[in-house]
N, C-alpha and C. Protein backbone atom coordinates (compact mmCIF):
# COMPACT_ATOMS: atom_id res chain seq x y z
N MET A 1 35.52 19.50 -26.84
CA MET A 1 34.98 18.19 -27.13
C MET A 1 35.42 17.18 -26.07
N GLY A 2 36.67 17.24 -25.62
CA GLY A 2 37.18 16.33 -24.61
C GLY A 2 36.48 16.48 -23.29
N LYS A 3 36.16 17.75 -22.90
CA LYS A 3 35.44 18.03 -21.69
C LYS A 3 34.00 17.44 -21.76
N PHE A 4 33.38 17.61 -22.86
CA PHE A 4 32.00 17.10 -23.06
C PHE A 4 32.01 15.58 -22.92
N LEU A 5 32.99 14.91 -23.53
CA LEU A 5 33.07 13.44 -23.51
C LEU A 5 33.31 12.95 -22.09
N PHE A 6 34.16 13.67 -21.33
CA PHE A 6 34.40 13.34 -19.95
C PHE A 6 33.14 13.44 -19.11
N VAL A 7 32.41 14.53 -19.25
CA VAL A 7 31.16 14.70 -18.51
C VAL A 7 30.13 13.63 -18.88
N LEU A 8 30.02 13.32 -20.13
CA LEU A 8 29.12 12.29 -20.59
C LEU A 8 29.46 10.94 -19.99
N LEU A 9 30.74 10.58 -20.02
CA LEU A 9 31.17 9.30 -19.43
C LEU A 9 30.96 9.27 -17.94
N PHE A 10 31.22 10.40 -17.27
CA PHE A 10 31.01 10.47 -15.80
C PHE A 10 29.59 10.21 -15.41
N PHE A 11 28.63 10.90 -16.10
CA PHE A 11 27.22 10.75 -15.78
C PHE A 11 26.73 9.35 -16.16
N THR A 12 27.22 8.81 -17.24
CA THR A 12 26.84 7.45 -17.63
C THR A 12 27.28 6.45 -16.60
N ALA A 13 28.50 6.57 -16.12
CA ALA A 13 29.02 5.65 -15.08
C ALA A 13 28.23 5.83 -13.79
N ALA A 14 27.94 7.05 -13.43
CA ALA A 14 27.13 7.31 -12.23
C ALA A 14 25.75 6.66 -12.32
N PHE A 15 25.14 6.84 -13.49
CA PHE A 15 23.78 6.30 -13.71
C PHE A 15 23.80 4.75 -13.59
N ILE A 16 24.79 4.13 -14.25
CA ILE A 16 24.85 2.69 -14.24
C ILE A 16 25.13 2.14 -12.84
N SER A 17 25.99 2.81 -12.10
CA SER A 17 26.31 2.32 -10.74
C SER A 17 25.13 2.49 -9.79
N CYS A 18 24.29 3.47 -10.01
CA CYS A 18 23.11 3.66 -9.16
C CYS A 18 22.01 2.65 -9.47
N ASP A 19 22.09 2.04 -10.66
CA ASP A 19 21.06 1.08 -11.07
C ASP A 19 21.24 -0.28 -10.48
N LYS A 20 22.44 -0.56 -9.94
CA LYS A 20 22.71 -1.86 -9.40
C LYS A 20 22.08 -2.07 -8.06
N PRO A 21 21.36 -3.17 -7.80
CA PRO A 21 20.82 -3.40 -6.45
C PRO A 21 21.91 -3.80 -5.49
N TYR A 22 21.67 -3.50 -4.23
CA TYR A 22 22.61 -3.91 -3.19
C TYR A 22 22.39 -5.40 -2.96
N GLU A 23 23.39 -6.19 -3.24
CA GLU A 23 23.20 -7.67 -3.21
C GLU A 23 23.01 -8.23 -1.84
N GLY A 24 23.38 -7.52 -0.80
CA GLY A 24 23.26 -8.03 0.56
C GLY A 24 21.90 -7.75 1.17
N SER A 25 21.06 -7.02 0.50
CA SER A 25 19.77 -6.65 1.11
C SER A 25 18.72 -7.72 0.84
N PRO A 26 17.86 -7.97 1.81
CA PRO A 26 16.80 -8.95 1.58
C PRO A 26 15.73 -8.40 0.67
N GLY A 27 14.98 -9.24 0.07
CA GLY A 27 13.88 -8.79 -0.80
C GLY A 27 12.80 -8.09 -0.02
N VAL A 28 12.20 -7.14 -0.60
CA VAL A 28 11.12 -6.41 0.03
C VAL A 28 9.90 -7.25 0.07
N GLY A 29 9.20 -7.33 1.20
CA GLY A 29 7.93 -8.07 1.29
C GLY A 29 8.07 -9.52 1.69
N GLY A 30 9.29 -10.03 1.73
CA GLY A 30 9.48 -11.38 2.23
C GLY A 30 8.78 -12.46 1.41
N GLY A 31 8.45 -12.19 0.17
CA GLY A 31 7.82 -13.23 -0.63
C GLY A 31 6.32 -13.27 -0.59
N LEU A 32 5.69 -12.50 0.34
CA LEU A 32 4.23 -12.45 0.37
C LEU A 32 3.77 -11.43 -0.66
N THR A 33 2.67 -11.75 -1.30
CA THR A 33 2.15 -10.81 -2.30
C THR A 33 1.48 -9.61 -1.66
N SER A 34 1.42 -8.53 -2.41
CA SER A 34 0.74 -7.36 -1.98
C SER A 34 -0.67 -7.41 -2.50
N ASN A 35 -1.59 -6.94 -1.72
CA ASN A 35 -3.03 -6.98 -2.09
C ASN A 35 -3.56 -5.57 -2.12
N PHE A 36 -4.51 -5.35 -2.99
CA PHE A 36 -5.05 -4.01 -3.16
C PHE A 36 -6.57 -3.99 -2.89
N ILE A 37 -6.99 -2.95 -2.22
CA ILE A 37 -8.44 -2.69 -2.03
C ILE A 37 -8.68 -1.32 -2.63
N ALA A 38 -9.58 -1.27 -3.61
CA ALA A 38 -9.98 0.02 -4.18
C ALA A 38 -11.04 0.67 -3.35
N VAL A 39 -10.81 1.95 -3.02
CA VAL A 39 -11.82 2.73 -2.27
C VAL A 39 -12.59 3.52 -3.33
N LYS A 40 -13.88 3.27 -3.36
CA LYS A 40 -14.73 4.00 -4.33
C LYS A 40 -15.84 4.72 -3.54
N ASP A 41 -16.54 5.61 -4.25
CA ASP A 41 -17.63 6.33 -3.58
C ASP A 41 -18.78 5.34 -3.25
N SER A 42 -18.87 4.25 -3.97
CA SER A 42 -19.96 3.32 -3.75
C SER A 42 -19.56 2.13 -2.84
N GLY A 43 -18.29 2.02 -2.52
CA GLY A 43 -17.87 0.92 -1.65
C GLY A 43 -16.40 0.52 -1.88
N PHE A 44 -16.06 -0.68 -1.40
CA PHE A 44 -14.70 -1.21 -1.56
C PHE A 44 -14.72 -2.33 -2.56
N SER A 45 -13.57 -2.52 -3.21
CA SER A 45 -13.46 -3.62 -4.15
C SER A 45 -12.10 -4.26 -3.95
N PRO A 46 -12.01 -5.48 -3.45
CA PRO A 46 -13.14 -6.32 -3.06
C PRO A 46 -13.72 -5.93 -1.70
N MET A 47 -14.93 -6.33 -1.45
CA MET A 47 -15.59 -6.03 -0.16
C MET A 47 -15.03 -6.93 0.92
N VAL A 48 -14.69 -8.16 0.59
CA VAL A 48 -14.11 -9.12 1.55
C VAL A 48 -12.78 -9.60 0.97
N LEU A 49 -11.74 -9.47 1.78
CA LEU A 49 -10.41 -9.89 1.36
C LEU A 49 -9.87 -10.90 2.38
N LYS A 50 -9.42 -12.05 1.90
CA LYS A 50 -8.83 -13.09 2.71
C LYS A 50 -7.38 -13.21 2.34
N VAL A 51 -6.47 -12.95 3.28
CA VAL A 51 -5.05 -13.01 3.03
C VAL A 51 -4.31 -13.65 4.18
N VAL A 52 -3.08 -14.04 3.96
CA VAL A 52 -2.23 -14.59 4.99
C VAL A 52 -1.72 -13.43 5.86
N ASN A 53 -1.70 -13.68 7.21
CA ASN A 53 -1.19 -12.60 8.07
C ASN A 53 0.22 -12.24 7.68
N GLY A 54 0.54 -10.98 7.80
CA GLY A 54 1.85 -10.49 7.40
C GLY A 54 1.88 -9.96 5.99
N SER A 55 0.82 -10.23 5.25
CA SER A 55 0.73 -9.69 3.84
C SER A 55 0.48 -8.18 3.95
N THR A 56 0.90 -7.52 2.90
CA THR A 56 0.61 -6.06 2.87
C THR A 56 -0.70 -5.86 2.08
N ILE A 57 -1.45 -4.90 2.52
CA ILE A 57 -2.70 -4.52 1.89
C ILE A 57 -2.61 -3.03 1.63
N THR A 58 -2.80 -2.65 0.37
CA THR A 58 -2.77 -1.27 -0.03
C THR A 58 -4.16 -0.79 -0.36
N PHE A 59 -4.67 0.17 0.41
CA PHE A 59 -5.96 0.80 0.11
C PHE A 59 -5.66 1.91 -0.88
N VAL A 60 -6.32 1.93 -2.05
CA VAL A 60 -6.11 2.92 -3.10
C VAL A 60 -7.36 3.76 -3.23
N ASN A 61 -7.28 5.01 -3.00
CA ASN A 61 -8.45 5.91 -3.09
C ASN A 61 -8.64 6.31 -4.55
N ASN A 62 -9.67 5.70 -5.15
CA ASN A 62 -10.01 5.95 -6.56
C ASN A 62 -11.09 6.98 -6.70
N THR A 63 -11.20 7.91 -5.76
CA THR A 63 -12.24 8.95 -5.82
C THR A 63 -11.56 10.32 -5.97
N THR A 64 -12.42 11.35 -6.11
CA THR A 64 -11.90 12.69 -6.29
C THR A 64 -11.87 13.47 -4.97
N SER A 65 -12.13 12.81 -3.87
CA SER A 65 -12.05 13.47 -2.57
C SER A 65 -11.38 12.55 -1.55
N ALA A 66 -10.85 13.14 -0.47
CA ALA A 66 -10.21 12.37 0.57
C ALA A 66 -11.23 11.48 1.25
N LYS A 67 -10.81 10.29 1.63
CA LYS A 67 -11.69 9.34 2.36
C LYS A 67 -11.00 8.98 3.66
N THR A 68 -11.73 8.93 4.74
CA THR A 68 -11.21 8.52 6.03
C THR A 68 -11.71 7.15 6.36
N LEU A 69 -10.79 6.19 6.62
CA LEU A 69 -11.11 4.83 6.96
C LEU A 69 -10.86 4.62 8.44
N GLN A 70 -11.54 3.59 8.96
CA GLN A 70 -11.32 3.17 10.34
C GLN A 70 -11.86 1.76 10.52
N SER A 71 -11.18 0.95 11.32
CA SER A 71 -11.71 -0.38 11.64
C SER A 71 -12.85 -0.19 12.67
N ALA A 72 -13.69 -1.21 12.77
CA ALA A 72 -14.82 -1.14 13.71
C ALA A 72 -14.37 -0.88 15.16
N ASP A 73 -13.20 -1.46 15.49
CA ASP A 73 -12.67 -1.26 16.87
C ASP A 73 -11.80 -0.04 17.00
N SER A 74 -11.52 0.64 15.90
CA SER A 74 -10.67 1.86 15.78
C SER A 74 -9.24 1.61 16.29
N ILE A 75 -8.85 0.35 16.49
CA ILE A 75 -7.50 0.05 16.92
C ILE A 75 -6.71 -0.57 15.80
N ILE A 76 -7.26 -1.60 15.16
CA ILE A 76 -6.51 -2.28 14.10
C ILE A 76 -6.17 -1.30 12.95
N ILE A 77 -7.17 -0.56 12.51
CA ILE A 77 -6.93 0.55 11.57
C ILE A 77 -7.45 1.79 12.26
N PRO A 78 -6.54 2.58 12.82
CA PRO A 78 -6.99 3.86 13.46
C PRO A 78 -7.51 4.78 12.34
N LYS A 79 -8.18 5.79 12.75
CA LYS A 79 -8.74 6.78 11.80
C LYS A 79 -7.60 7.23 10.86
N THR A 80 -7.74 6.91 9.54
CA THR A 80 -6.70 7.18 8.56
C THR A 80 -7.33 7.90 7.36
N THR A 81 -6.87 9.06 7.03
CA THR A 81 -7.37 9.76 5.86
C THR A 81 -6.45 9.52 4.67
N ILE A 82 -7.07 9.07 3.55
CA ILE A 82 -6.35 8.83 2.31
C ILE A 82 -6.76 9.93 1.32
N PRO A 83 -5.76 10.72 0.83
CA PRO A 83 -6.18 11.81 -0.10
C PRO A 83 -6.66 11.24 -1.44
N ALA A 84 -7.39 12.05 -2.17
CA ALA A 84 -7.87 11.63 -3.49
C ALA A 84 -6.66 11.14 -4.35
N GLY A 85 -6.81 10.01 -4.91
CA GLY A 85 -5.74 9.46 -5.72
C GLY A 85 -4.55 8.88 -4.94
N GLY A 86 -4.65 8.93 -3.61
CA GLY A 86 -3.55 8.44 -2.77
C GLY A 86 -3.76 7.02 -2.32
N SER A 87 -2.87 6.57 -1.46
CA SER A 87 -2.99 5.17 -0.94
C SER A 87 -2.52 5.11 0.49
N TYR A 88 -2.89 3.98 1.14
CA TYR A 88 -2.52 3.71 2.52
C TYR A 88 -2.11 2.26 2.62
N LEU A 89 -0.90 2.02 3.13
CA LEU A 89 -0.35 0.66 3.23
C LEU A 89 -0.66 0.13 4.62
N PHE A 90 -1.23 -1.08 4.69
CA PHE A 90 -1.61 -1.71 5.96
C PHE A 90 -0.97 -3.10 6.02
N LYS A 91 -0.48 -3.41 7.22
CA LYS A 91 0.10 -4.76 7.45
C LYS A 91 -0.11 -5.11 8.90
N LYS A 92 -0.57 -6.29 9.14
CA LYS A 92 -0.80 -6.75 10.51
C LYS A 92 -0.29 -8.21 10.61
N ASP A 93 0.56 -8.48 11.59
CA ASP A 93 1.13 -9.80 11.80
C ASP A 93 0.36 -10.60 12.83
N THR A 94 -0.91 -10.84 12.58
CA THR A 94 -1.75 -11.60 13.49
C THR A 94 -2.89 -12.25 12.71
N THR A 95 -3.53 -13.23 13.27
CA THR A 95 -4.71 -13.77 12.63
C THR A 95 -5.94 -13.07 13.23
N ALA A 96 -6.81 -12.62 12.39
CA ALA A 96 -7.97 -11.86 12.86
C ALA A 96 -8.93 -11.67 11.66
N SER A 97 -10.12 -11.37 12.03
CA SER A 97 -11.14 -10.98 11.04
C SER A 97 -11.73 -9.72 11.55
N PHE A 98 -11.72 -8.65 10.75
CA PHE A 98 -12.28 -7.38 11.22
C PHE A 98 -12.92 -6.61 10.10
N GLN A 99 -13.82 -5.75 10.48
CA GLN A 99 -14.52 -4.88 9.53
C GLN A 99 -13.90 -3.45 9.62
N TYR A 100 -14.01 -2.78 8.51
CA TYR A 100 -13.58 -1.37 8.45
C TYR A 100 -14.64 -0.66 7.61
N TYR A 101 -14.61 0.69 7.67
CA TYR A 101 -15.65 1.48 6.99
C TYR A 101 -15.14 2.87 6.69
N ILE A 102 -15.87 3.57 5.84
CA ILE A 102 -15.60 4.97 5.58
C ILE A 102 -16.34 5.78 6.67
N VAL A 103 -15.56 6.57 7.37
CA VAL A 103 -16.09 7.30 8.56
C VAL A 103 -17.30 8.16 8.23
N SER A 104 -17.30 8.85 7.10
CA SER A 104 -18.39 9.74 6.74
C SER A 104 -19.61 8.96 6.23
N LYS A 105 -19.42 7.69 5.88
CA LYS A 105 -20.51 6.82 5.37
C LYS A 105 -20.36 5.46 6.03
N PRO A 106 -20.72 5.26 7.29
CA PRO A 106 -20.46 4.04 8.01
C PRO A 106 -21.14 2.77 7.44
N THR A 107 -22.10 3.00 6.51
CA THR A 107 -22.74 1.83 5.90
C THR A 107 -21.85 1.25 4.81
N ILE A 108 -20.83 1.96 4.33
CA ILE A 108 -19.88 1.44 3.35
C ILE A 108 -18.80 0.72 4.13
N GLN A 109 -18.88 -0.62 4.12
CA GLN A 109 -17.99 -1.42 4.94
C GLN A 109 -17.26 -2.46 4.08
N GLY A 110 -16.17 -2.95 4.63
CA GLY A 110 -15.45 -4.03 4.05
C GLY A 110 -14.93 -4.95 5.15
N THR A 111 -14.43 -6.12 4.78
CA THR A 111 -13.95 -7.07 5.80
C THR A 111 -12.62 -7.64 5.32
N ILE A 112 -11.69 -7.74 6.26
CA ILE A 112 -10.37 -8.36 6.00
C ILE A 112 -10.27 -9.60 6.94
N ASN A 113 -9.94 -10.75 6.34
CA ASN A 113 -9.71 -11.96 7.10
C ASN A 113 -8.23 -12.27 6.98
N LEU A 114 -7.51 -12.20 8.10
CA LEU A 114 -6.11 -12.53 8.16
C LEU A 114 -5.96 -13.96 8.66
N THR A 115 -5.39 -14.87 7.89
CA THR A 115 -5.27 -16.25 8.26
C THR A 115 -3.80 -16.64 8.39
N GLN A 116 -3.55 -17.88 8.86
CA GLN A 116 -2.17 -18.34 8.96
C GLN A 116 -1.70 -18.96 7.69
């Protein structure tokens, strides 16, 4: 019984100590909100997204097959494949407006406007 109690207390203490955040670390994201773009077979939602530069944008593939995205210039968003149910995190620290599309269906496009 004593050994069991010791093991239980040990794992409880380890669990509680792992749950504490490191107080010296800065917050993730720097206070800017994260934005989401749903990738669907019929298009993107939203089709046009206006955000402050430096914000994170997460493309979420809500389809049953992998989708490959790319920006019109192929530089801002290089050819990126998102698996079915997966996501892709995008962040750019500049002001710009650019279009992106699904490579296999170039008529399915979206626009991101990065402002100051």
